[in-house]
Structure formats: structure tokens, C-alpha cells
């Protein structure tokens, strides 16, 4: 039979290891992207992907399933992204919240055209 101190130490070490794995997983970066076609207005998006490349690939795949001439308009990490379109142009942005990303996208769009409205947005869980 093991002494109580050894059992406590083993349980404490096991708990610390489990918490360490959980904390490490929670700190992983999450990527997202939005792709769209300026010609047709079709779009695709992604969130919580493991890399920028995966996020852009997923967004492009979704967009291309609806239209041609798609392009990645914005990618983001641990944040939100948004695309706004207007009469003759578009703008995109990322920020820590959906509202701020949408506002910034509309502002960027307004630098090029008028009547800007949010076309798409996406946020990662972190």
C-alpha cells in the first residue's frame, strides 16, 4: 500500500497534466477567411481552421461552388472578419468583435464606393 502523500502527489501530477493539455488546446490559434466574387456577389467563409491556408482554401471552395472569379477578401486569426460591398466596390476588415469588423469593412468599402452594406461575416471561437 502506498503512503497517502505519494497517492496525493500522483493525483496532483495527473490533474496538472490534464489541465496543461486542456489549456494548451485552448490556446491554439483559430483561423478564418471570407472569399467572394465581385462579379456575382457569391461568397464562402470559414472559421476555426487550424491554419491560414486551410481557412482560405475552405472559403474559396465554398465560394467557387456558387460562382467563378472568387478571391479571398480577408483572413483573420482569433478574431472576426467581414466583407462589405457597395455600388462599385468593396472593402474588408477584421477585428476582435463582429460589430467592429462589420463597421471597419463598411468604412473601408466607403473609401471606394457608396451604399456599402455587409455581405458576409465570420468569427472564430477564440
N, C-alpha and C. Protein backbone atom coordinates (compact mmCIF):
# COMPACT_ATOMS: atom_id res chain seq x y z
N UNK A 1 0.85 -1.18 0.00
CA UNK A 1 0.00 0.00 0.00
C UNK A 1 0.89 1.24 0.00
N UNK A 2 0.57 2.22 -0.87
CA UNK A 2 1.37 3.44 -0.97
C UNK A 2 0.96 4.43 0.11
N UNK A 3 1.91 5.20 0.58
CA UNK A 3 1.58 6.24 1.56
C UNK A 3 0.64 7.28 0.94
N UNK A 4 -0.16 7.91 1.78
CA UNK A 4 -1.12 8.91 1.30
C UNK A 4 -0.44 10.06 0.56
N UNK A 5 0.73 10.45 0.98
CA UNK A 5 1.45 11.55 0.33
C UNK A 5 1.79 11.20 -1.10
N UNK A 6 2.18 9.97 -1.37
CA UNK A 6 2.53 9.54 -2.73
C UNK A 6 1.29 9.51 -3.60
N UNK A 7 0.17 8.98 -3.07
CA UNK A 7 -1.08 8.95 -3.82
C UNK A 7 -1.53 10.37 -4.15
N UNK A 8 -1.46 11.29 -3.20
CA UNK A 8 -1.82 12.69 -3.43
C UNK A 8 -0.95 13.29 -4.51
N UNK A 9 0.35 13.03 -4.45
CA UNK A 9 1.29 13.58 -5.42
C UNK A 9 0.96 13.05 -6.82
N UNK A 10 0.67 11.76 -6.94
CA UNK A 10 0.33 11.18 -8.24
C UNK A 10 -0.95 11.80 -8.78
N UNK A 11 -1.96 11.96 -7.94
CA UNK A 11 -3.22 12.57 -8.38
C UNK A 11 -3.01 14.02 -8.78
N UNK A 12 -2.21 14.75 -8.01
CA UNK A 12 -1.93 16.15 -8.31
C UNK A 12 -1.18 16.27 -9.63
N UNK A 13 -0.20 15.41 -9.85
CA UNK A 13 0.57 15.43 -11.10
C UNK A 13 -0.32 15.10 -12.28
N UNK A 14 -1.19 14.11 -12.14
CA UNK A 14 -2.11 13.74 -13.20
C UNK A 14 -3.07 14.88 -13.50
N UNK A 15 -3.61 15.51 -12.48
CA UNK A 15 -4.53 16.64 -12.68
C UNK A 15 -3.82 17.79 -13.37
N UNK A 16 -2.60 18.08 -12.97
CA UNK A 16 -1.84 19.16 -13.60
C UNK A 16 -1.57 18.84 -15.07
N UNK A 17 -1.26 17.60 -15.37
CA UNK A 17 -1.01 17.20 -16.75
C UNK A 17 -2.27 17.36 -17.60
N UNK A 18 -3.42 16.94 -17.06
CA UNK A 18 -4.68 17.08 -17.78
C UNK A 18 -5.01 18.54 -18.00
N UNK A 19 -4.88 19.35 -16.98
CA UNK A 19 -5.15 20.79 -17.11
C UNK A 19 -4.19 21.43 -18.10
N UNK A 20 -2.94 21.01 -18.09
CA UNK A 20 -1.96 21.55 -19.03
C UNK A 20 -2.34 21.24 -20.47
N UNK A 21 -2.81 20.03 -20.73
CA UNK A 21 -3.24 19.67 -22.08
C UNK A 21 -4.46 20.47 -22.49
N UNK A 22 -5.39 20.63 -21.57
CA UNK A 22 -6.60 21.40 -21.86
C UNK A 22 -6.25 22.86 -22.13
N UNK A 23 -5.39 23.44 -21.31
CA UNK A 23 -5.00 24.84 -21.51
C UNK A 23 -4.25 24.99 -22.82
N UNK A 24 -3.40 24.04 -23.15
CA UNK A 24 -2.66 24.12 -24.41
C UNK A 24 -3.58 24.07 -25.60
N UNK A 25 -4.58 23.21 -25.55
CA UNK A 25 -5.53 23.11 -26.64
C UNK A 25 -6.35 24.38 -26.76
N UNK A 26 -6.68 24.99 -25.64
CA UNK A 26 -7.48 26.21 -25.66
C UNK A 26 -6.70 27.38 -26.25
N UNK A 27 -5.39 27.31 -26.18
CA UNK A 27 -4.57 28.40 -26.68
C UNK A 27 -4.23 28.27 -28.16
N UNK A 28 -4.66 27.21 -28.80
CA UNK A 28 -4.38 27.03 -30.23
C UNK A 28 -5.04 28.16 -31.01
N UNK A 29 -4.34 28.63 -32.03
CA UNK A 29 -4.89 29.69 -32.86
C UNK A 29 -5.98 29.14 -33.77
N UNK A 30 -7.02 29.93 -33.98
CA UNK A 30 -8.10 29.60 -34.88
C UNK A 30 -8.11 30.62 -36.02
N UNK A 31 -8.19 30.11 -37.24
CA UNK A 31 -8.16 30.98 -38.42
C UNK A 31 -9.49 30.93 -39.15
N UNK A 32 -9.81 32.02 -39.80
CA UNK A 32 -11.00 32.10 -40.63
C UNK A 32 -10.71 32.94 -41.85
N UNK A 33 -11.61 32.87 -42.83
CA UNK A 33 -11.45 33.65 -44.05
C UNK A 33 -12.80 33.84 -44.71
N UNK A 34 -12.87 34.86 -45.56
CA UNK A 34 -14.05 35.10 -46.39
C UNK A 34 -13.56 35.33 -47.81
N UNK A 35 -14.15 34.60 -48.73
CA UNK A 35 -13.86 34.77 -50.16
C UNK A 35 -15.15 35.21 -50.83
N UNK A 36 -15.03 35.99 -51.89
CA UNK A 36 -16.24 36.39 -52.60
C UNK A 36 -15.94 36.72 -54.05
N UNK A 37 -17.00 36.74 -54.84
CA UNK A 37 -16.91 37.11 -56.25
C UNK A 37 -17.50 38.51 -56.40
N UNK A 38 -16.68 39.44 -56.83
CA UNK A 38 -17.15 40.81 -57.03
C UNK A 38 -18.17 40.84 -58.17
N UNK A 39 -18.06 39.93 -59.10
CA UNK A 39 -18.96 39.88 -60.25
C UNK A 39 -20.37 39.46 -59.87
N UNK A 40 -20.48 38.41 -59.05
CA UNK A 40 -21.81 37.86 -58.74
C UNK A 40 -22.27 38.11 -57.30
N UNK A 41 -21.36 38.45 -56.41
CA UNK A 41 -21.71 38.65 -55.01
C UNK A 41 -21.75 37.35 -54.22
N UNK A 42 -21.43 36.23 -54.86
CA UNK A 42 -21.38 34.95 -54.14
C UNK A 42 -20.21 34.99 -53.16
N UNK A 43 -20.34 34.26 -52.07
CA UNK A 43 -19.26 34.23 -51.09
C UNK A 43 -19.18 32.88 -50.40
N UNK A 44 -18.07 32.67 -49.74
CA UNK A 44 -17.85 31.50 -48.91
C UNK A 44 -17.05 31.94 -47.71
N UNK A 45 -17.16 31.23 -46.62
CA UNK A 45 -16.43 31.62 -45.42
C UNK A 45 -15.97 30.39 -44.67
N UNK A 46 -15.08 30.62 -43.72
CA UNK A 46 -14.60 29.56 -42.85
C UNK A 46 -14.31 30.14 -41.48
N UNK A 47 -14.21 29.26 -40.49
CA UNK A 47 -13.85 29.67 -39.13
C UNK A 47 -13.29 28.47 -38.40
N UNK A 48 -12.52 28.74 -37.38
CA UNK A 48 -11.93 27.71 -36.52
C UNK A 48 -11.11 26.67 -37.29
N UNK A 49 -10.39 27.13 -38.27
CA UNK A 49 -9.49 26.27 -39.03
C UNK A 49 -8.11 26.31 -38.36
N UNK A 50 -7.30 25.29 -38.62
CA UNK A 50 -6.00 25.18 -37.97
C UNK A 50 -4.90 26.04 -38.56
N UNK A 51 -5.11 26.58 -39.76
CA UNK A 51 -4.09 27.42 -40.40
C UNK A 51 -4.75 28.42 -41.34
N UNK A 52 -4.00 29.43 -41.70
CA UNK A 52 -4.49 30.42 -42.65
C UNK A 52 -4.81 29.74 -43.99
N UNK A 53 -3.90 28.88 -44.41
CA UNK A 53 -4.09 28.19 -45.69
C UNK A 53 -5.38 27.37 -45.70
N UNK A 54 -5.63 26.62 -44.62
CA UNK A 54 -6.86 25.83 -44.53
C UNK A 54 -8.10 26.72 -44.55
N UNK A 55 -8.02 27.85 -43.86
CA UNK A 55 -9.16 28.77 -43.81
C UNK A 55 -9.44 29.36 -45.20
N UNK A 56 -8.40 29.79 -45.89
CA UNK A 56 -8.59 30.36 -47.23
C UNK A 56 -9.08 29.31 -48.22
N UNK A 57 -8.54 28.10 -48.13
CA UNK A 57 -8.95 27.02 -49.03
C UNK A 57 -10.43 26.71 -48.86
N UNK A 58 -10.87 26.62 -47.61
CA UNK A 58 -12.29 26.31 -47.33
C UNK A 58 -13.21 27.42 -47.84
N UNK A 59 -12.84 28.67 -47.57
CA UNK A 59 -13.67 29.80 -48.02
C UNK A 59 -13.74 29.83 -49.56
N UNK A 60 -12.61 29.60 -50.22
CA UNK A 60 -12.60 29.60 -51.68
C UNK A 60 -13.44 28.45 -52.24
N UNK A 61 -13.35 27.29 -51.63
CA UNK A 61 -14.13 26.13 -52.09
C UNK A 61 -15.62 26.44 -52.01
N UNK A 62 -16.04 27.02 -50.90
CA UNK A 62 -17.47 27.37 -50.76
C UNK A 62 -17.89 28.41 -51.80
N UNK A 63 -17.06 29.42 -51.98
CA UNK A 63 -17.39 30.47 -52.94
C UNK A 63 -17.44 29.91 -54.36
N UNK A 64 -16.44 29.10 -54.72
CA UNK A 64 -16.38 28.55 -56.08
C UNK A 64 -17.52 27.57 -56.36
N UNK A 65 -18.13 27.04 -55.33
CA UNK A 65 -19.27 26.15 -55.55
C UNK A 65 -20.50 26.95 -55.99
N UNK A 66 -20.45 28.25 -55.84
CA UNK A 66 -21.57 29.13 -56.19
C UNK A 66 -21.27 30.04 -57.37
N UNK A 67 -19.97 30.28 -57.64
CA UNK A 67 -19.62 31.27 -58.66
C UNK A 67 -18.16 31.10 -59.08
N UNK A 68 -17.81 31.77 -60.15
CA UNK A 68 -16.41 31.84 -60.59
C UNK A 68 -15.85 33.19 -60.15
N UNK A 69 -14.61 33.41 -60.43
CA UNK A 69 -13.94 34.68 -60.13
C UNK A 69 -13.91 35.01 -58.65
N UNK A 70 -13.84 34.01 -57.79
CA UNK A 70 -13.76 34.25 -56.36
C UNK A 70 -12.34 34.65 -55.96
N UNK A 71 -12.26 35.42 -54.91
CA UNK A 71 -10.97 35.80 -54.35
C UNK A 71 -11.10 35.88 -52.84
N UNK A 72 -9.99 35.64 -52.16
CA UNK A 72 -10.00 35.79 -50.70
C UNK A 72 -10.01 37.28 -50.40
N UNK A 73 -11.02 37.72 -49.70
CA UNK A 73 -11.14 39.14 -49.37
C UNK A 73 -10.48 39.47 -48.03
N UNK A 74 -10.51 38.51 -47.09
CA UNK A 74 -9.94 38.76 -45.76
C UNK A 74 -9.68 37.42 -45.08
N UNK A 75 -8.61 37.36 -44.33
CA UNK A 75 -8.36 36.23 -43.43
C UNK A 75 -8.12 36.81 -42.06
N UNK A 76 -8.34 36.02 -41.03
CA UNK A 76 -8.21 36.53 -39.67
C UNK A 76 -7.82 35.40 -38.73
N UNK A 77 -7.25 35.76 -37.61
CA UNK A 77 -6.81 34.80 -36.61
C UNK A 77 -7.35 35.21 -35.26
N UNK A 78 -8.08 34.30 -34.60
CA UNK A 78 -8.64 34.57 -33.27
C UNK A 78 -9.43 35.88 -33.26
N UNK A 79 -10.28 36.06 -34.26
CA UNK A 79 -10.99 37.32 -34.43
C UNK A 79 -12.21 37.11 -35.33
N UNK A 80 -12.75 38.23 -35.81
CA UNK A 80 -13.87 38.21 -36.75
C UNK A 80 -13.44 38.93 -38.02
N UNK A 81 -14.02 38.51 -39.14
CA UNK A 81 -13.77 39.17 -40.41
C UNK A 81 -15.09 39.53 -41.05
N UNK A 82 -15.06 40.54 -41.92
CA UNK A 82 -16.27 40.98 -42.58
C UNK A 82 -15.94 41.55 -43.96
N UNK A 83 -16.89 41.40 -44.88
CA UNK A 83 -16.78 41.98 -46.22
C UNK A 83 -18.03 42.81 -46.47
N UNK A 84 -17.83 44.04 -46.94
CA UNK A 84 -18.94 44.91 -47.29
C UNK A 84 -18.84 45.26 -48.77
N UNK A 85 -19.98 45.34 -49.44
CA UNK A 85 -19.99 45.70 -50.85
C UNK A 85 -20.87 46.92 -51.06
N UNK A 86 -20.52 47.68 -52.10
CA UNK A 86 -21.28 48.86 -52.47
C UNK A 86 -21.56 48.85 -53.95
N UNK A 87 -21.96 50.01 -54.47
CA UNK A 87 -22.36 50.12 -55.87
C UNK A 87 -21.23 49.75 -56.83
N UNK A 88 -20.01 50.18 -56.54
CA UNK A 88 -18.90 49.95 -57.46
C UNK A 88 -17.62 49.54 -56.76
N UNK A 89 -17.73 48.83 -55.66
CA UNK A 89 -16.52 48.42 -54.96
C UNK A 89 -16.84 47.65 -53.70
N UNK A 90 -15.81 47.37 -52.95
CA UNK A 90 -15.97 46.58 -51.73
C UNK A 90 -14.85 46.91 -50.76
N UNK A 91 -15.01 46.45 -49.55
CA UNK A 91 -13.98 46.60 -48.52
C UNK A 91 -14.08 45.46 -47.54
N UNK A 92 -12.99 45.18 -46.88
CA UNK A 92 -12.98 44.10 -45.88
C UNK A 92 -12.19 44.55 -44.67
N UNK A 93 -12.37 43.83 -43.57
CA UNK A 93 -11.65 44.17 -42.35
C UNK A 93 -11.79 43.02 -41.36
N UNK A 94 -10.92 43.04 -40.35
CA UNK A 94 -11.03 42.10 -39.24
C UNK A 94 -10.92 42.90 -37.95
N UNK A 95 -11.49 42.34 -36.89
CA UNK A 95 -11.45 43.00 -35.58
C UNK A 95 -11.78 41.95 -34.52
N UNK A 96 -11.72 42.36 -33.28
CA UNK A 96 -11.97 41.46 -32.17
C UNK A 96 -13.43 41.07 -31.98
N UNK A 97 -14.34 41.85 -32.55
CA UNK A 97 -15.77 41.53 -32.44
C UNK A 97 -16.43 41.65 -33.81
N UNK A 98 -17.57 41.00 -33.94
CA UNK A 98 -18.31 41.07 -35.19
C UNK A 98 -18.69 42.51 -35.53
N UNK A 99 -19.21 43.23 -34.55
CA UNK A 99 -19.65 44.61 -34.79
C UNK A 99 -18.50 45.48 -35.28
N UNK A 100 -17.35 45.36 -34.65
CA UNK A 100 -16.20 46.17 -35.08
C UNK A 100 -15.69 45.76 -36.45
N UNK A 101 -15.72 44.47 -36.76
CA UNK A 101 -15.29 44.02 -38.08
C UNK A 101 -16.25 44.53 -39.16
N UNK A 102 -17.54 44.47 -38.88
CA UNK A 102 -18.52 44.97 -39.84
C UNK A 102 -18.39 46.47 -40.06
N UNK A 103 -18.22 47.21 -38.98
CA UNK A 103 -18.06 48.66 -39.08
C UNK A 103 -16.82 49.02 -39.90
N UNK A 104 -15.71 48.35 -39.62
CA UNK A 104 -14.47 48.63 -40.34
C UNK A 104 -14.58 48.25 -41.82
N UNK A 105 -15.26 47.15 -42.11
CA UNK A 105 -15.44 46.75 -43.51
C UNK A 105 -16.28 47.78 -44.26
N UNK A 106 -17.36 48.26 -43.62
CA UNK A 106 -18.17 49.31 -44.26
C UNK A 106 -17.36 50.57 -44.47
N UNK A 107 -16.55 50.95 -43.49
CA UNK A 107 -15.71 52.14 -43.64
C UNK A 107 -14.70 51.98 -44.77
N UNK A 108 -14.07 50.81 -44.86
CA UNK A 108 -13.11 50.56 -45.94
C UNK A 108 -13.80 50.56 -47.30
N UNK A 109 -14.99 49.99 -47.37
CA UNK A 109 -15.76 49.98 -48.59
C UNK A 109 -16.12 51.42 -49.01
N UNK A 110 -16.50 52.24 -48.04
CA UNK A 110 -16.91 53.62 -48.31
C UNK A 110 -15.79 54.48 -48.89
N UNK A 111 -14.56 54.05 -48.74
CA UNK A 111 -13.42 54.77 -49.34
C UNK A 111 -13.41 54.60 -50.86
N UNK A 112 -14.12 53.59 -51.38
CA UNK A 112 -14.09 53.27 -52.80
C UNK A 112 -15.41 53.47 -53.51
N UNK A 113 -16.51 53.42 -52.76
CA UNK A 113 -17.83 53.48 -53.38
C UNK A 113 -18.87 53.91 -52.34
N UNK A 114 -20.11 53.97 -52.77
CA UNK A 114 -21.18 54.37 -51.85
C UNK A 114 -22.16 53.22 -51.64
N UNK A 115 -23.04 53.39 -50.66
CA UNK A 115 -24.08 52.41 -50.38
C UNK A 115 -23.56 51.09 -49.85
N UNK A 116 -22.50 51.12 -49.07
CA UNK A 116 -21.87 49.89 -48.59
C UNK A 116 -22.71 49.18 -47.53
N UNK A 117 -22.87 47.88 -47.72
CA UNK A 117 -23.59 47.02 -46.78
C UNK A 117 -22.78 45.75 -46.58
N UNK A 118 -22.89 45.19 -45.39
CA UNK A 118 -22.16 43.97 -45.09
C UNK A 118 -22.72 42.81 -45.92
N UNK A 119 -21.82 42.15 -46.64
CA UNK A 119 -22.19 40.97 -47.42
C UNK A 119 -22.06 39.71 -46.58
N UNK A 120 -20.94 39.61 -45.83
CA UNK A 120 -20.67 38.39 -45.08
C UNK A 120 -19.79 38.71 -43.88
N UNK A 121 -19.89 37.87 -42.86
CA UNK A 121 -19.03 37.97 -41.69
C UNK A 121 -18.80 36.57 -41.15
N UNK A 122 -17.74 36.42 -40.39
CA UNK A 122 -17.44 35.15 -39.73
C UNK A 122 -16.55 35.44 -38.55
N UNK A 123 -16.67 34.64 -37.50
CA UNK A 123 -15.84 34.79 -36.31
C UNK A 123 -15.31 33.43 -35.87
N UNK A 124 -14.10 33.42 -35.37
CA UNK A 124 -13.57 32.22 -34.74
C UNK A 124 -14.09 32.16 -33.31
N UNK A 125 -13.99 31.00 -32.68
CA UNK A 125 -14.46 30.89 -31.31
C UNK A 125 -13.49 31.50 -30.32
N UNK A 126 -12.31 31.82 -30.73
CA UNK A 126 -11.34 32.48 -29.87
C UNK A 126 -10.85 33.71 -30.54
